[in-house]
Amino acid sequence: MRLGLALGYWGRGPDPGHLALAQEAERLGYDSVWTAEAWGSDAFTPLTWIAAHTSRIRLGTAVAQMAARSPTTTAMHALTLDHLSGGRMTLGLGLSGPQVVEGWYGRPFPTSPLTATREYVEVIRQVLRREGPVEVRGRFHPHPYAGDDGAGLGKPLKPITHPLRADLPVLLGAEGPRNIEQTTRIADGWLPLYWSPLRTDVYEASLAGLREGFTIAPMARAKICDDIAEGLLPVKAMLGFYIGGMGHAARNFHADLVARMGYEKEARRVQELFLAGRKEEAVLAVPDAFADEISLVGPRARVAERLAAWRAGPVTDLLVLAPDPHTLRVLAELNS
C-alpha cells in the first residue's frame, strides 16, 4: 500500500505550510500528493506550484470538479501539468452534488449523473489519445456541440499539443453503488470519500469486477497523539459539515453514504442539527466510532495496529490528511 499526502482545498486562504509538507512527504518516500477544490481555491494551481518545487512525487487532484470546466478544458489542464512535471500527473475527478453544481457553478445538475460522467471521461480519453478529432455524440458533453441554440459551425478538433502520455491515469470520486461499479469499468481508479477497513462489505458488490492494476485510494485523517478524543475532533468536524451542510435535506449523497455504512440514524440526526443551525451540536453528534474507523488517530502503537487493517484490504494508496511532519514520518516508518 502506497502512501500519499492529501492537502485538501484551501479555507479562508492558502496554508503556508502546505508546500513544506509536500516536500517533506517527498523526502520521506511518499508516492503522491493531492489537492482539491470546492467553491474557493482551484485544484490545479496549487498542484502546479508544488510540481515546481518537487522532483519525484506524483501529483493528483482529489478531486477536480467536473462542473467547473468542460472536459476538454480539464484535459488541457492535465496534459499541460503532465508535461511540466515530467509525467507525474494523475487526474482525479468528481461530479459533486446539485447544491454545488447549480449553486456555485451555475449549471444544471445532470439528470443522469452516470451518463454525464461517462461522457466526460470519454472526451478526456480522446484528447489524451490524440488519435483524431474529438467526437462524442453525447447527451451532456457532445463534441462538436450540436444544440439548437448553437451556430452549427462547430468543427471536430484534436489538441495542438501532443499529450506526454496517452494513458495518463483518470480516477473518479464516486459514492453511489452504481457509480462505483461504473468507475471500475471506465476509470483507472477510485477515490472513496470514506473508507472503513471494518466495513469493506459495503463496497463488495460494486467492486466485483475489479481488474488488475486498478487503484483504490481513500483519504484518511491521521494524527499521532495521546488524546484520541481530541485527535478525532477534526474528523468529526469534517463529517458534520459533509453530512449536514454538503447537500439538501432531501438529497445529500454524503449522508446517504454514511447511512449505507451502518449509521443511518446518526447521520439523519447530524443532518437535522446542522440544517437547524446547531452546528456545534451536529459535530458532537457524529459517532466517535465512525470517525475513528475511517481515520488513523492515537498513539503510535494504536495507529500501527489500525494501519495493518488498511493494508490487509484492497486499498492500493492511502491518501493521508496529516497536519504535521511528525505524523507523516511515523506513518512512513510504519508502512515501510
C-alpha atoms as a PDB file:
ATOM      1  CA  MET A   1       0.000   0.000   0.000  1.00  0.00           C
ATOM      2  CA  ARG A   2       1.500   3.290  -1.114  1.00  0.00           C
ATOM      3  CA  LEU A   3       1.173   6.475   0.915  1.00  0.00           C
ATOM      4  CA  GLY A   4       0.014   9.806  -0.458  1.00  0.00           C
ATOM      5  CA  LEU A   5      -0.341  13.217   1.145  1.00  0.00           C
ATOM      6  CA  ALA A   6      -3.780  14.809   0.779  1.00  0.00           C
ATOM      7  CA  LEU A   7      -3.772  18.582   1.236  1.00  0.00           C
ATOM      8  CA  GLY A   8      -7.459  19.179   0.508  1.00  0.00           C
ATOM      9  CA  TYR A   9      -8.710  22.591  -0.546  1.00  0.00           C
ATOM     10  CA  TRP A  10      -7.977  25.976   0.956  1.00  0.00           C
ATOM     11  CA  GLY A  11     -10.124  27.541   3.606  1.00  0.00           C
ATOM     12  CA  ARG A  12     -10.034  31.310   4.080  1.00  0.00           C
ATOM     13  CA  GLY A  13      -6.649  31.465   2.387  1.00  0.00           C
ATOM     14  CA  PRO A  14      -3.634  29.377   1.397  1.00  0.00           C
ATOM     15  CA  ASP A  15      -1.999  27.272   4.092  1.00  0.00           C
ATOM     16  CA  PRO A  16       1.608  28.469   4.359  1.00  0.00           C
ATOM     17  CA  GLY A  17       2.704  25.001   5.478  1.00  0.00           C
ATOM     18  CA  HIS A  18       1.399  23.011   2.531  1.00  0.00           C
ATOM     19  CA  LEU A  19       4.475  23.303   0.323  1.00  0.00           C
ATOM     20  CA  ALA A  20       6.796  22.291   3.160  1.00  0.00           C
ATOM     21  CA  LEU A  21       4.543  19.316   3.937  1.00  0.00           C
ATOM     22  CA  ALA A  22       4.634  18.218   0.300  1.00  0.00           C
ATOM     23  CA  GLN A  23       8.422  18.491   0.208  1.00  0.00           C
ATOM     24  CA  GLU A  24       8.712  16.551   3.460  1.00  0.00           C
ATOM     25  CA  ALA A  25       6.392  13.864   2.104  1.00  0.00           C
ATOM     26  CA  GLU A  26       8.624  13.533  -0.960  1.00  0.00           C
ATOM     27  CA  ARG A  27      11.711  13.267   1.244  1.00  0.00           C
ATOM     28  CA  LEU A  28      10.034  10.549   3.314  1.00  0.00           C
ATOM     29  CA  GLY A  29       9.239   8.486   0.247  1.00  0.00           C
ATOM     30  CA  TYR A  30       5.534   9.241  -0.117  1.00  0.00           C
ATOM     31  CA  ASP A  31       4.330   8.263  -3.566  1.00  0.00           C
ATOM     32  CA  SER A  32       1.917  11.137  -4.249  1.00  0.00           C
ATOM     33  CA  VAL A  33       0.479  14.488  -3.164  1.00  0.00           C
ATOM     34  CA  TRP A  34      -3.111  15.576  -3.836  1.00  0.00           C
ATOM     35  CA  THR A  35      -5.040  18.848  -3.947  1.00  0.00           C
ATOM     36  CA  ALA A  36      -8.776  19.515  -4.073  1.00  0.00           C
ATOM     37  CA  GLU A  37     -11.363  22.192  -4.791  1.00  0.00           C
ATOM     38  CA  ALA A  38     -14.879  23.041  -3.644  1.00  0.00           C
ATOM     39  CA  TRP A  39     -16.069  26.638  -4.058  1.00  0.00           C
ATOM     40  CA  GLY A  40     -12.944  28.665  -3.386  1.00  0.00           C
ATOM     41  CA  SER A  41      -9.422  27.785  -4.484  1.00  0.00           C
ATOM     42  CA  ASP A  42      -8.946  25.597  -7.541  1.00  0.00           C
ATOM     43  CA  ALA A  43      -7.114  22.257  -7.567  1.00  0.00           C
ATOM     44  CA  PHE A  44      -4.650  22.739 -10.444  1.00  0.00           C
ATOM     45  CA  THR A  45      -2.856  25.955  -9.472  1.00  0.00           C
ATOM     46  CA  PRO A  46      -1.572  24.732  -6.057  1.00  0.00           C
ATOM     47  CA  LEU A  47      -0.588  21.429  -7.654  1.00  0.00           C
ATOM     48  CA  THR A  48       1.438  23.266 -10.297  1.00  0.00           C
ATOM     49  CA  TRP A  49       3.185  25.260  -7.562  1.00  0.00           C
ATOM     50  CA  ILE A  50       4.047  22.019  -5.750  1.00  0.00           C
ATOM     51  CA  ALA A  51       5.244  20.459  -9.006  1.00  0.00           C
ATOM     52  CA  ALA A  52       7.700  23.323  -9.471  1.00  0.00           C
ATOM     53  CA  HIS A  53       9.191  22.732  -6.012  1.00  0.00           C
ATOM     54  CA  THR A  54       9.442  18.915  -6.077  1.00  0.00           C
ATOM     55  CA  SER A  55      11.054  16.427  -8.431  1.00  0.00           C
ATOM     56  CA  ARG A  56       9.723  12.906  -7.900  1.00  0.00           C
ATOM     57  CA  ILE A  57       6.419  12.755  -6.060  1.00  0.00           C
ATOM     58  CA  ARG A  58       3.337  12.062  -8.193  1.00  0.00           C
ATOM     59  CA  LEU A  59       0.731  14.828  -8.428  1.00  0.00           C
ATOM     60  CA  GLY A  60      -3.016  14.261  -8.201  1.00  0.00           C
ATOM     61  CA  THR A  61      -6.331  16.079  -7.929  1.00  0.00           C
ATOM     62  CA  ALA A  62      -8.702  14.585  -5.377  1.00  0.00           C
ATOM     63  CA  VAL A  63     -10.859  15.870  -6.696  1.00  0.00           C
ATOM     64  CA  ALA A  64     -11.237  18.384  -9.516  1.00  0.00           C
ATOM     65  CA  GLN A  65     -14.896  19.274 -10.040  1.00  0.00           C
ATOM     66  CA  MET A  66     -16.332  18.229 -13.396  1.00  0.00           C
ATOM     67  CA  ALA A  67     -18.865  21.059 -13.324  1.00  0.00           C
ATOM     68  CA  ALA A  68     -16.058  23.620 -13.049  1.00  0.00           C
ATOM     69  CA  ARG A  69     -14.743  23.004 -16.566  1.00  0.00           C
ATOM     70  CA  SER A  70     -15.666  21.474 -19.861  1.00  0.00           C
ATOM     71  CA  PRO A  71     -13.985  18.082 -20.299  1.00  0.00           C
ATOM     72  CA  THR A  72     -11.615  19.424 -22.946  1.00  0.00           C
ATOM     73  CA  THR A  73     -10.538  22.215 -20.574  1.00  0.00           C
ATOM     74  CA  THR A  74      -9.863  19.662 -17.860  1.00  0.00           C
ATOM     75  CA  ALA A  75      -7.872  17.556 -20.304  1.00  0.00           C
ATOM     76  CA  MET A  76      -5.835  20.653 -21.228  1.00  0.00           C
ATOM     77  CA  HIS A  77      -5.024  21.270 -17.546  1.00  0.00           C
ATOM     78  CA  ALA A  78      -3.973  17.653 -17.074  1.00  0.00           C
ATOM     79  CA  LEU A  79      -1.818  17.319 -20.194  1.00  0.00           C
ATOM     80  CA  THR A  80      -0.143  20.678 -19.538  1.00  0.00           C
ATOM     81  CA  LEU A  81       0.790  19.807 -15.962  1.00  0.00           C
ATOM     82  CA  ASP A  82       1.871  16.325 -17.041  1.00  0.00           C
ATOM     83  CA  HIS A  83       4.364  17.898 -19.439  1.00  0.00           C
ATOM     84  CA  LEU A  84       5.623  20.468 -16.949  1.00  0.00           C
ATOM     85  CA  SER A  85       6.102  17.845 -14.218  1.00  0.00           C
ATOM     86  CA  GLY A  86       7.742  15.209 -16.379  1.00  0.00           C
ATOM     87  CA  GLY A  87       4.839  12.765 -16.375  1.00  0.00           C
ATOM     88  CA  ARG A  88       3.780  12.926 -12.733  1.00  0.00           C
ATOM     89  CA  MET A  89       0.121  13.905 -13.173  1.00  0.00           C
ATOM     90  CA  THR A  90      -2.919  11.856 -12.081  1.00  0.00           C
ATOM     91  CA  LEU A  91      -6.348  13.295 -12.810  1.00  0.00           C
ATOM     92  CA  GLY A  92      -8.951  12.719 -10.115  1.00  0.00           C
ATOM     93  CA  LEU A  93     -12.476  13.902 -10.936  1.00  0.00           C
ATOM     94  CA  GLY A  94     -15.711  14.302  -9.008  1.00  0.00           C
ATOM     95  CA  LEU A  95     -19.246  15.177 -10.045  1.00  0.00           C
ATOM     96  CA  SER A  96     -20.203  16.874  -6.745  1.00  0.00           C
ATOM     97  CA  GLY A  97     -23.891  17.374  -5.907  1.00  0.00           C
ATOM     98  CA  PRO A  98     -26.746  19.535  -7.173  1.00  0.00           C
ATOM     99  CA  GLN A  99     -26.299  22.173  -4.457  1.00  0.00           C
ATOM    100  CA  VAL A 100     -22.729  22.915  -5.548  1.00  0.00           C
ATOM    101  CA  VAL A 101     -23.182  22.355  -9.288  1.00  0.00           C
ATOM    102  CA  GLU A 102     -26.225  24.618  -9.549  1.00  0.00           C
ATOM    103  CA  GLY A 103     -25.481  26.985  -6.675  1.00  0.00           C
ATOM    104  CA  TRP A 104     -21.811  27.668  -7.355  1.00  0.00           C
ATOM    105  CA  TYR A 105     -21.086  26.671 -10.933  1.00  0.00           C
ATOM    106  CA  GLY A 106     -24.434  27.882 -12.254  1.00  0.00           C
ATOM    107  CA  ARG A 107     -25.061  24.771 -14.287  1.00  0.00           C
ATOM    108  CA  PRO A 108     -27.869  22.202 -14.200  1.00  0.00           C
ATOM    109  CA  PHE A 109     -27.063  19.056 -12.281  1.00  0.00           C
ATOM    110  CA  PRO A 110     -27.246  16.221 -14.836  1.00  0.00           C
ATOM    111  CA  THR A 111     -30.450  14.226 -14.813  1.00  0.00           C
ATOM    112  CA  SER A 112     -28.353  11.117 -15.452  1.00  0.00           C
ATOM    113  CA  PRO A 113     -25.117  11.500 -13.455  1.00  0.00           C
ATOM    114  CA  LEU A 114     -23.666   8.197 -14.668  1.00  0.00           C
ATOM    115  CA  THR A 115     -24.134   9.129 -18.323  1.00  0.00           C
ATOM    116  CA  ALA A 116     -22.683  12.598 -17.775  1.00  0.00           C
ATOM    117  CA  THR A 117     -19.641  11.129 -16.029  1.00  0.00           C
ATOM    118  CA  ARG A 118     -19.114   8.510 -18.722  1.00  0.00           C
ATOM    119  CA  GLU A 119     -19.231  11.127 -21.495  1.00  0.00           C
ATOM    120  CA  TYR A 120     -16.899  13.454 -19.595  1.00  0.00           C
ATOM    121  CA  VAL A 121     -14.301  10.718 -19.204  1.00  0.00           C
ATOM    122  CA  GLU A 122     -14.653   9.672 -22.856  1.00  0.00           C
ATOM    123  CA  VAL A 123     -13.908  13.201 -24.068  1.00  0.00           C
ATOM    124  CA  ILE A 124     -10.801  13.347 -21.872  1.00  0.00           C
ATOM    125  CA  ARG A 125      -9.640   9.948 -23.109  1.00  0.00           C
ATOM    126  CA  GLN A 126      -9.976  11.070 -26.731  1.00  0.00           C
ATOM    127  CA  VAL A 127      -7.984  14.245 -26.061  1.00  0.00           C
ATOM    128  CA  LEU A 128      -5.180  12.301 -24.382  1.00  0.00           C
ATOM    129  CA  ARG A 129      -5.044   9.582 -27.037  1.00  0.00           C
ATOM    130  CA  ARG A 130      -4.966  12.200 -29.822  1.00  0.00           C
ATOM    131  CA  GLU A 131      -5.845   9.582 -32.413  1.00  0.00           C
ATOM    132  CA  GLY A 132      -8.147  12.003 -34.212  1.00  0.00           C
ATOM    133  CA  PRO A 133     -10.522  14.910 -33.649  1.00  0.00           C
ATOM    134  CA  VAL A 134     -12.661  14.658 -30.529  1.00  0.00           C
ATOM    135  CA  GLU A 135     -16.094  13.395 -31.492  1.00  0.00           C
ATOM    136  CA  VAL A 136     -18.667  12.325 -28.922  1.00  0.00           C
ATOM    137  CA  ARG A 137     -22.359  12.159 -29.708  1.00  0.00           C
ATOM    138  CA  GLY A 138     -23.243  12.770 -26.105  1.00  0.00           C
ATOM    139  CA  ARG A 139     -26.309  13.871 -24.253  1.00  0.00           C
ATOM    140  CA  PHE A 140     -24.401  16.107 -21.830  1.00  0.00           C
ATOM    141  CA  HIS A 141     -20.993  16.650 -23.456  1.00  0.00           C
ATOM    142  CA  PRO A 142     -21.454  16.500 -27.234  1.00  0.00           C
ATOM    143  CA  HIS A 143     -18.395  17.306 -29.323  1.00  0.00           C
ATOM    144  CA  PRO A 144     -18.832  19.219 -31.545  1.00  0.00           C
ATOM    145  CA  TYR A 145     -21.770  21.000 -29.955  1.00  0.00           C
ATOM    146  CA  ALA A 146     -24.948  20.397 -31.925  1.00  0.00           C
ATOM    147  CA  GLY A 147     -27.646  22.102 -29.865  1.00  0.00           C
ATOM    148  CA  ASP A 148     -30.392  24.186 -31.435  1.00  0.00           C
ATOM    149  CA  ASP A 149     -29.009  27.297 -29.718  1.00  0.00           C
ATOM    150  CA  GLY A 150     -25.592  26.946 -31.369  1.00  0.00           C
ATOM    151  CA  ALA A 151     -24.230  28.431 -34.575  1.00  0.00           C
ATOM    152  CA  GLY A 152     -23.996  24.997 -36.170  1.00  0.00           C
ATOM    153  CA  LEU A 153     -20.405  25.672 -37.220  1.00  0.00           C
ATOM    154  CA  GLY A 154     -18.566  23.501 -34.727  1.00  0.00           C
ATOM    155  CA  LYS A 155     -15.610  21.602 -36.143  1.00  0.00           C
ATOM    156  CA  PRO A 156     -14.120  18.435 -34.598  1.00  0.00           C
ATOM    157  CA  LEU A 157     -10.636  19.249 -33.318  1.00  0.00           C
ATOM    158  CA  LYS A 158      -7.739  17.406 -31.745  1.00  0.00           C
ATOM    159  CA  PRO A 159      -5.270  19.034 -29.345  1.00  0.00           C
ATOM    160  CA  ILE A 160      -2.493  21.108 -30.864  1.00  0.00           C
ATOM    161  CA  THR A 161      -0.216  19.957 -28.068  1.00  0.00           C
ATOM    162  CA  HIS A 162       0.755  16.296 -28.161  1.00  0.00           C
ATOM    163  CA  PRO A 163      -0.001  14.829 -24.711  1.00  0.00           C
ATOM    164  CA  LEU A 164       3.019  13.382 -22.949  1.00  0.00           C
ATOM    165  CA  ARG A 165       1.077  10.232 -22.001  1.00  0.00           C
ATOM    166  CA  ALA A 166      -1.986   8.852 -23.735  1.00  0.00           C
ATOM    167  CA  ASP A 167      -2.607   6.705 -20.666  1.00  0.00           C
ATOM    168  CA  LEU A 168      -2.458   9.495 -18.064  1.00  0.00           C
ATOM    169  CA  PRO A 169      -4.421   7.947 -15.145  1.00  0.00           C
ATOM    170  CA  VAL A 170      -8.001   9.102 -14.635  1.00  0.00           C
ATOM    171  CA  LEU A 171      -9.566   8.394 -11.238  1.00  0.00           C
ATOM    172  CA  LEU A 172     -13.120   9.099 -10.114  1.00  0.00           C
ATOM    173  CA  GLY A 173     -14.609  10.086  -6.792  1.00  0.00           C
ATOM    174  CA  ALA A 174     -17.799   8.024  -6.654  1.00  0.00           C
ATOM    175  CA  GLU A 175     -20.180   7.331  -3.772  1.00  0.00           C
ATOM    176  CA  GLY A 176     -23.285   5.511  -5.006  1.00  0.00           C
ATOM    177  CA  PRO A 177     -23.107   1.747  -5.729  1.00  0.00           C
ATOM    178  CA  ARG A 178     -23.869   2.099  -9.455  1.00  0.00           C
ATOM    179  CA  ASN A 179     -21.424   4.983  -9.788  1.00  0.00           C
ATOM    180  CA  ILE A 180     -18.669   2.949  -8.141  1.00  0.00           C
ATOM    181  CA  GLU A 181     -19.399  -0.032 -10.376  1.00  0.00           C
ATOM    182  CA  GLN A 182     -19.178   2.191 -13.465  1.00  0.00           C
ATOM    183  CA  THR A 183     -15.927   3.648 -12.151  1.00  0.00           C
ATOM    184  CA  THR A 184     -14.339   0.185 -12.171  1.00  0.00           C
ATOM    185  CA  ARG A 185     -15.165  -0.039 -15.888  1.00  0.00           C
ATOM    186  CA  ILE A 186     -14.313   3.428 -17.250  1.00  0.00           C
ATOM    187  CA  ALA A 187     -11.581   4.770 -14.934  1.00  0.00           C
ATOM    188  CA  ASP A 188      -8.119   3.750 -13.783  1.00  0.00           C
ATOM    189  CA  GLY A 189      -9.004   4.073 -10.138  1.00  0.00           C
ATOM    190  CA  TRP A 190     -11.466   5.100  -7.461  1.00  0.00           C
ATOM    191  CA  LEU A 191     -11.214   7.822  -4.818  1.00  0.00           C
ATOM    192  CA  PRO A 192     -13.562   6.785  -1.975  1.00  0.00           C
ATOM    193  CA  LEU A 193     -14.752   9.598   0.239  1.00  0.00           C
ATOM    194  CA  TYR A 194     -14.978   7.401   3.328  1.00  0.00           C
ATOM    195  CA  TRP A 195     -13.332   4.021   3.725  1.00  0.00           C
ATOM    196  CA  SER A 196     -13.566   1.769   6.743  1.00  0.00           C
ATOM    197  CA  PRO A 197     -11.356  -1.337   6.789  1.00  0.00           C
ATOM    198  CA  LEU A 198     -14.010  -2.808   9.106  1.00  0.00           C
ATOM    199  CA  ARG A 199     -16.809  -2.438   6.528  1.00  0.00           C
ATOM    200  CA  THR A 200     -15.345  -3.406   3.173  1.00  0.00           C
ATOM    201  CA  ASP A 201     -18.520  -5.422   2.542  1.00  0.00           C
ATOM    202  CA  VAL A 202     -20.337  -2.120   1.892  1.00  0.00           C
ATOM    203  CA  TYR A 203     -18.485  -1.877  -1.429  1.00  0.00           C
ATOM    204  CA  GLU A 204     -18.061  -5.573  -2.200  1.00  0.00           C
ATOM    205  CA  ALA A 205     -20.758  -5.847  -4.880  1.00  0.00           C
ATOM    206  CA  SER A 206     -19.698  -2.613  -6.622  1.00  0.00           C
ATOM    207  CA  LEU A 207     -16.058  -3.757  -6.752  1.00  0.00           C
ATOM    208  CA  ALA A 208     -16.787  -7.270  -8.001  1.00  0.00           C
ATOM    209  CA  GLY A 209     -15.397  -6.517 -11.453  1.00  0.00           C
ATOM    210  CA  LEU A 210     -12.034  -5.100 -10.384  1.00  0.00           C
ATOM    211  CA  ARG A 211      -9.257  -5.551 -12.905  1.00  0.00           C
ATOM    212  CA  GLU A 212      -5.569  -5.862 -12.176  1.00  0.00           C
ATOM    213  CA  GLY A 213      -3.838  -2.543 -11.600  1.00  0.00           C
ATOM    214  CA  PHE A 214      -6.993  -0.682 -10.574  1.00  0.00           C
ATOM    215  CA  THR A 215      -6.259   1.987  -7.960  1.00  0.00           C
ATOM    216  CA  ILE A 216      -8.301   2.348  -4.768  1.00  0.00           C
ATOM    217  CA  ALA A 217      -7.164   5.483  -2.957  1.00  0.00           C
ATOM    218  CA  PRO A 218      -9.260   6.627   0.029  1.00  0.00           C
ATOM    219  CA  MET A 219      -8.425   9.601   2.218  1.00  0.00           C
ATOM    220  CA  ALA A 220      -7.931   9.249   5.952  1.00  0.00           C
ATOM    221  CA  ARG A 221      -7.189  11.867   8.578  1.00  0.00           C
ATOM    222  CA  ALA A 222      -4.083  10.891  10.548  1.00  0.00           C
ATOM    223  CA  LYS A 223      -2.694  12.239  13.798  1.00  0.00           C
ATOM    224  CA  ILE A 224      -0.158  10.717  16.170  1.00  0.00           C
ATOM    225  CA  CYS A 225      -1.306  11.888  19.587  1.00  0.00           C
ATOM    226  CA  ASP A 226      -2.119  10.663  23.096  1.00  0.00           C
ATOM    227  CA  ASP A 227      -5.582  12.188  23.365  1.00  0.00           C
ATOM    228  CA  ILE A 228      -7.727  10.206  20.917  1.00  0.00           C
ATOM    229  CA  ALA A 229     -10.891  12.228  21.522  1.00  0.00           C
ATOM    230  CA  GLU A 230      -9.079  15.475  20.759  1.00  0.00           C
ATOM    231  CA  GLY A 231      -7.428  13.941  17.703  1.00  0.00           C
ATOM    232  CA  LEU A 232     -10.820  12.888  16.343  1.00  0.00           C
ATOM    233  CA  LEU A 233     -12.378  16.355  16.615  1.00  0.00           C
ATOM    234  CA  PRO A 234     -11.210  17.480  13.126  1.00  0.00           C
ATOM    235  CA  VAL A 235     -12.617  14.240  11.698  1.00  0.00           C
ATOM    236  CA  LYS A 236     -15.958  14.843  13.379  1.00  0.00           C
ATOM    237  CA  ALA A 237     -15.979  18.467  12.221  1.00  0.00           C
ATOM    238  CA  MET A 238     -15.393  17.337   8.635  1.00  0.00           C
ATOM    239  CA  LEU A 239     -18.109  14.691   8.886  1.00  0.00           C
ATOM    240  CA  GLY A 240     -20.554  17.121  10.465  1.00  0.00           C
ATOM    241  CA  PHE A 241     -20.039  19.573   7.604  1.00  0.00           C
ATOM    242  CA  TYR A 242     -20.304  16.976   4.835  1.00  0.00           C
ATOM    243  CA  ILE A 243     -23.233  15.087   6.338  1.00  0.00           C
ATOM    244  CA  GLY A 244     -25.093  18.211   7.379  1.00  0.00           C
ATOM    245  CA  GLY A 245     -24.016  21.011   5.075  1.00  0.00           C
ATOM    246  CA  MET A 246     -22.817  19.487   1.791  1.00  0.00           C
ATOM    247  CA  GLY A 247     -26.272  18.903   0.402  1.00  0.00           C
ATOM    248  CA  HIS A 248     -30.001  19.414   0.769  1.00  0.00           C
ATOM    249  CA  ALA A 249     -32.202  17.849   3.438  1.00  0.00           C
ATOM    250  CA  ALA A 250     -33.834  15.704   0.761  1.00  0.00           C
ATOM    251  CA  ARG A 251     -30.711  14.957  -1.284  1.00  0.00           C
ATOM    252  CA  ASN A 252     -27.328  14.575   0.351  1.00  0.00           C
ATOM    253  CA  PHE A 253     -25.050  11.931  -1.159  1.00  0.00           C
ATOM    254  CA  HIS A 254     -22.660  12.060   1.805  1.00  0.00           C
ATOM    255  CA  ALA A 255     -25.373  11.472   4.371  1.00  0.00           C
ATOM    256  CA  ASP A 256     -26.691   8.605   2.253  1.00  0.00           C
ATOM    257  CA  LEU A 257     -23.247   7.015   2.165  1.00  0.00           C
ATOM    258  CA  VAL A 258     -22.849   7.192   5.944  1.00  0.00           C
ATOM    259  CA  ALA A 259     -26.287   5.611   6.259  1.00  0.00           C
ATOM    260  CA  ARG A 260     -25.218   2.732   3.994  1.00  0.00           C
ATOM    261  CA  MET A 261     -22.188   2.248   6.209  1.00  0.00           C
ATOM    262  CA  GLY A 262     -24.411   1.455   9.181  1.00  0.00           C
ATOM    263  CA  TYR A 263     -25.020   4.856  10.763  1.00  0.00           C
ATOM    264  CA  GLU A 264     -28.325   5.923   9.230  1.00  0.00           C
ATOM    265  CA  LYS A 265     -29.999   7.133  12.437  1.00  0.00           C
ATOM    266  CA  GLU A 266     -26.914   9.075  13.481  1.00  0.00           C
ATOM    267  CA  ALA A 267     -26.449  10.599  10.011  1.00  0.00           C
ATOM    268  CA  ARG A 268     -30.027  11.890   9.921  1.00  0.00           C
ATOM    269  CA  ARG A 269     -29.601  13.388  13.393  1.00  0.00           C
ATOM    270  CA  VAL A 270     -26.391  15.176  12.374  1.00  0.00           C
ATOM    271  CA  GLN A 271     -28.144  16.477   9.273  1.00  0.00           C
ATOM    272  CA  GLU A 272     -31.125  17.673  11.287  1.00  0.00           C
ATOM    273  CA  LEU A 273     -28.965  19.566  13.771  1.00  0.00           C
ATOM    274  CA  PHE A 274     -26.748  21.142  11.112  1.00  0.00           C
ATOM    275  CA  LEU A 275     -29.634  22.346   8.994  1.00  0.00           C
ATOM    276  CA  ALA A 276     -31.237  23.836  12.117  1.00  0.00           C
ATOM    277  CA  GLY A 277     -28.134  25.984  12.608  1.00  0.00           C
ATOM    278  CA  ARG A 278     -26.910  23.948  15.588  1.00  0.00           C
ATOM    279  CA  LYS A 279     -23.553  23.188  14.025  1.00  0.00           C
ATOM    280  CA  GLU A 280     -21.560  22.538  17.197  1.00  0.00           C
ATOM    281  CA  GLU A 281     -24.177  20.039  18.333  1.00  0.00           C
ATOM    282  CA  ALA A 282     -24.084  18.438  14.890  1.00  0.00           C
ATOM    283  CA  VAL A 283     -20.344  17.870  15.165  1.00  0.00           C
ATOM    284  CA  LEU A 284     -20.671  16.377  18.642  1.00  0.00           C
ATOM    285  CA  ALA A 285     -23.455  14.105  17.373  1.00  0.00           C
ATOM    286  CA  VAL A 286     -21.113  12.457  14.848  1.00  0.00           C
ATOM    287  CA  PRO A 287     -20.456   8.959  16.245  1.00  0.00           C
ATOM    288  CA  ASP A 288     -16.946   8.629  17.677  1.00  0.00           C
ATOM    289  CA  ALA A 289     -16.844   5.034  16.431  1.00  0.00           C
ATOM    290  CA  PHE A 290     -17.401   6.035  12.821  1.00  0.00           C
ATOM    291  CA  ALA A 291     -14.917   8.922  12.956  1.00  0.00           C
ATOM    292  CA  ASP A 292     -12.378   6.533  14.467  1.00  0.00           C
ATOM    293  CA  GLU A 293     -12.743   3.711  11.958  1.00  0.00           C
ATOM    294  CA  ILE A 294     -12.234   5.954   8.907  1.00  0.00           C
ATOM    295  CA  SER A 295      -9.125   7.637  10.334  1.00  0.00           C
ATOM    296  CA  LEU A 296      -5.767   6.852  11.932  1.00  0.00           C
ATOM    297  CA  VAL A 297      -5.633   8.685  15.238  1.00  0.00           C
ATOM    298  CA  GLY A 298      -3.880   7.935  18.532  1.00  0.00           C
ATOM    299  CA  PRO A 299      -0.522   6.807  19.900  1.00  0.00           C
ATOM    300  CA  ARG A 300       1.982   5.150  17.584  1.00  0.00           C
ATOM    301  CA  ALA A 301       1.182   1.582  18.669  1.00  0.00           C
ATOM    302  CA  ARG A 302      -2.564   2.080  18.145  1.00  0.00           C
ATOM    303  CA  VAL A 303      -2.069   3.618  14.716  1.00  0.00           C
ATOM    304  CA  ALA A 304       0.289   0.767  13.769  1.00  0.00           C
ATOM    305  CA  GLU A 305      -2.375  -1.794  14.659  1.00  0.00           C
ATOM    306  CA  ARG A 306      -5.039   0.036  12.671  1.00  0.00           C
ATOM    307  CA  LEU A 307      -2.768   0.637   9.704  1.00  0.00           C
ATOM    308  CA  ALA A 308      -2.343  -3.121   9.394  1.00  0.00           C
ATOM    309  CA  ALA A 309      -6.098  -3.428   8.812  1.00  0.00           C
ATOM    310  CA  TRP A 310      -5.919  -0.888   5.993  1.00  0.00           C
ATOM    311  CA  ARG A 311      -3.032  -2.776   4.402  1.00  0.00           C
ATOM    312  CA  ALA A 312      -4.919  -6.088   4.576  1.00  0.00           C
ATOM    313  CA  GLY A 313      -7.734  -4.931   2.289  1.00  0.00           C
ATOM    314  CA  PRO A 314      -7.944  -3.844  -1.366  1.00  0.00           C
ATOM    315  CA  VAL A 315      -6.652  -0.305  -0.767  1.00  0.00           C
ATOM    316  CA  THR A 316      -3.652   0.409  -3.009  1.00  0.00           C
ATOM    317  CA  ASP A 317      -2.981   4.012  -1.933  1.00  0.00           C
ATOM    318  CA  LEU A 318      -3.753   5.654   1.394  1.00  0.00           C
ATOM    319  CA  LEU A 319      -4.088   9.423   0.972  1.00  0.00           C
ATOM    320  CA  VAL A 320      -3.219  10.862   4.353  1.00  0.00           C
ATOM    321  CA  LEU A 321      -4.662  14.121   5.637  1.00  0.00           C
ATOM    322  CA  ALA A 322      -1.859  14.760   8.117  1.00  0.00           C
ATOM    323  CA  PRO A 323      -1.383  18.162   9.725  1.00  0.00           C
ATOM    324  CA  ASP A 324       2.221  17.767  10.854  1.00  0.00           C
ATOM    325  CA  PRO A 325       5.577  16.333   9.701  1.00  0.00           C
ATOM    326  CA  HIS A 326       5.814  14.076  12.770  1.00  0.00           C
ATOM    327  CA  THR A 327       2.686  12.167  11.775  1.00  0.00           C
ATOM    328  CA  LEU A 328       3.914  11.905   8.182  1.00  0.00           C
ATOM    329  CA  ARG A 329       7.220  10.488   9.385  1.00  0.00           C
ATOM    330  CA  VAL A 330       5.671   7.928  11.749  1.00  0.00           C
ATOM    331  CA  LEU A 331       3.303   6.668   9.067  1.00  0.00           C
ATOM    332  CA  ALA A 332       6.191   6.322   6.615  1.00  0.00           C
ATOM    333  CA  GLU A 333       8.092   4.272   9.171  1.00  0.00           C
ATOM    334  CA  LEU A 334       5.083   2.064   9.974  1.00  0.00           C
ATOM    335  CA  ASN A 335       4.293   1.466   6.304  1.00  0.00           C
ATOM    336  CA  SER A 336       7.844   0.600   5.258  1.00  0.00           C
END
